[in-house]
């Protein structure tokens, strides 16, 4: 897992090797490891939102997809 970006740096996509700005927050948990109300977050750019979401959904981990903080999707 990566550490949070400095306050003056925009968050980036969690996909391996991607440095695009994050537009989406994929909130998930592993029910075998985490309490039901705990959420972990992967960030996704527009290009990787579907593939990261599919990966989590196939394992039954994906709980919700919301606009990432500071994302232009919050204004649309």
C-alpha atoms as a PDB file:
ATOM      1  CA  UNK A   1       0.000   0.000   0.000  1.00  0.00           C
ATOM      2  CA  UNK A   2       1.198   3.505  -0.642  1.00  0.00           C
ATOM      3  CA  UNK A   3       1.292   6.338   1.850  1.00  0.00           C
ATOM      4  CA  UNK A   4      -1.090   9.270   1.378  1.00  0.00           C
ATOM      5  CA  UNK A   5       0.145  12.015  -0.913  1.00  0.00           C
ATOM      6  CA  UNK A   6       1.275  15.327   0.587  1.00  0.00           C
ATOM      7  CA  UNK A   7      -1.556  17.850   0.971  1.00  0.00           C
ATOM      8  CA  UNK A   8      -0.375  19.849  -2.053  1.00  0.00           C
ATOM      9  CA  UNK A   9      -0.263  16.766  -4.327  1.00  0.00           C
ATOM     10  CA  UNK A  10      -3.383  15.342  -5.966  1.00  0.00           C
ATOM     11  CA  UNK A  11      -4.156  11.688  -5.189  1.00  0.00           C
ATOM     12  CA  UNK A  12      -3.243   9.232  -7.950  1.00  0.00           C
ATOM     13  CA  UNK A  13      -4.719   5.984  -9.211  1.00  0.00           C
ATOM     14  CA  UNK A  14      -3.917   2.808  -7.260  1.00  0.00           C
ATOM     15  CA  UNK A  15      -3.418   0.693 -10.410  1.00  0.00           C
ATOM     16  CA  UNK A  16       0.140  -0.575 -10.730  1.00  0.00           C
ATOM     17  CA  UNK A  17       2.302   1.907 -12.647  1.00  0.00           C
ATOM     18  CA  UNK A  18      -0.503   4.434 -13.163  1.00  0.00           C
ATOM     19  CA  UNK A  19       0.160   8.034 -12.128  1.00  0.00           C
ATOM     20  CA  UNK A  20      -3.114   9.503 -13.433  1.00  0.00           C
ATOM     21  CA  UNK A  21      -5.212  11.633 -11.078  1.00  0.00           C
ATOM     22  CA  UNK A  22      -7.710   9.641  -9.028  1.00  0.00           C
ATOM     23  CA  UNK A  23     -11.332  10.383  -9.837  1.00  0.00           C
ATOM     24  CA  UNK A  24     -12.967   7.510  -7.960  1.00  0.00           C
ATOM     25  CA  UNK A  25     -12.658   5.903  -4.525  1.00  0.00           C
ATOM     26  CA  UNK A  26     -13.428   2.179  -4.505  1.00  0.00           C
ATOM     27  CA  UNK A  27     -14.384   1.355  -0.926  1.00  0.00           C
ATOM     28  CA  UNK A  28     -14.004  -2.292   0.031  1.00  0.00           C
ATOM     29  CA  UNK A  29     -13.376  -4.789   2.763  1.00  0.00           C
ATOM     30  CA  UNK A  30     -12.548  -8.463   3.081  1.00  0.00           C
ATOM     31  CA  UNK A  31     -15.359  -9.892   5.236  1.00  0.00           C
ATOM     32  CA  UNK A  32     -13.099 -12.723   6.410  1.00  0.00           C
ATOM     33  CA  UNK A  33     -10.590 -10.221   7.822  1.00  0.00           C
ATOM     34  CA  UNK A  34     -12.423  -6.951   8.519  1.00  0.00           C
ATOM     35  CA  UNK A  35     -15.425  -5.898  10.590  1.00  0.00           C
ATOM     36  CA  UNK A  36     -18.525  -5.259   8.464  1.00  0.00           C
ATOM     37  CA  UNK A  37     -18.288  -1.478   8.885  1.00  0.00           C
ATOM     38  CA  UNK A  38     -14.561  -1.190   8.102  1.00  0.00           C
ATOM     39  CA  UNK A  39     -13.665   0.173   4.673  1.00  0.00           C
ATOM     40  CA  UNK A  40     -10.358   0.230   2.851  1.00  0.00           C
ATOM     41  CA  UNK A  41      -9.968   2.435  -0.222  1.00  0.00           C
ATOM     42  CA  UNK A  42      -8.359   2.060  -3.602  1.00  0.00           C
ATOM     43  CA  UNK A  43      -8.259   5.131  -5.803  1.00  0.00           C
ATOM     44  CA  UNK A  44      -8.931   4.879  -9.523  1.00  0.00           C
ATOM     45  CA  UNK A  45      -8.603   7.039 -12.604  1.00  0.00           C
ATOM     46  CA  UNK A  46     -11.288   6.842 -15.284  1.00  0.00           C
ATOM     47  CA  UNK A  47      -9.304   4.218 -17.224  1.00  0.00           C
ATOM     48  CA  UNK A  48      -8.841   1.831 -14.270  1.00  0.00           C
ATOM     49  CA  UNK A  49     -12.146   2.270 -12.418  1.00  0.00           C
ATOM     50  CA  UNK A  50     -13.747  -0.736 -14.104  1.00  0.00           C
ATOM     51  CA  UNK A  51     -10.780  -3.135 -13.888  1.00  0.00           C
ATOM     52  CA  UNK A  52     -10.046  -2.371 -10.225  1.00  0.00           C
ATOM     53  CA  UNK A  53     -13.759  -2.594  -9.426  1.00  0.00           C
ATOM     54  CA  UNK A  54     -14.084  -5.904 -11.275  1.00  0.00           C
ATOM     55  CA  UNK A  55     -11.114  -7.324  -9.350  1.00  0.00           C
ATOM     56  CA  UNK A  56     -12.685  -6.411  -6.002  1.00  0.00           C
ATOM     57  CA  UNK A  57     -16.219  -7.417  -7.022  1.00  0.00           C
ATOM     58  CA  UNK A  58     -15.087 -10.867  -8.233  1.00  0.00           C
ATOM     59  CA  UNK A  59     -13.845 -11.552  -4.697  1.00  0.00           C
ATOM     60  CA  UNK A  60     -16.950 -10.122  -3.026  1.00  0.00           C
ATOM     61  CA  UNK A  61     -14.943  -7.233  -1.527  1.00  0.00           C
ATOM     62  CA  UNK A  62     -16.344  -4.156  -3.327  1.00  0.00           C
ATOM     63  CA  UNK A  63     -18.799  -2.215  -1.160  1.00  0.00           C
ATOM     64  CA  UNK A  64     -19.207   1.118  -2.973  1.00  0.00           C
ATOM     65  CA  UNK A  65     -17.708   3.415  -5.583  1.00  0.00           C
ATOM     66  CA  UNK A  66     -17.785   7.145  -4.842  1.00  0.00           C
ATOM     67  CA  UNK A  67     -16.145  10.232  -6.256  1.00  0.00           C
ATOM     68  CA  UNK A  68     -12.659  10.693  -4.813  1.00  0.00           C
ATOM     69  CA  UNK A  69     -12.139  13.744  -2.576  1.00  0.00           C
ATOM     70  CA  UNK A  70     -11.000  16.662  -4.703  1.00  0.00           C
ATOM     71  CA  UNK A  71     -12.158  14.908  -7.870  1.00  0.00           C
ATOM     72  CA  UNK A  72     -13.825  16.899 -10.660  1.00  0.00           C
ATOM     73  CA  UNK A  73     -16.504  14.170 -10.587  1.00  0.00           C
ATOM     74  CA  UNK A  74     -17.783  15.762  -7.369  1.00  0.00           C
ATOM     75  CA  UNK A  75     -18.771  18.835  -9.332  1.00  0.00           C
ATOM     76  CA  UNK A  76     -20.454  17.015 -12.215  1.00  0.00           C
END
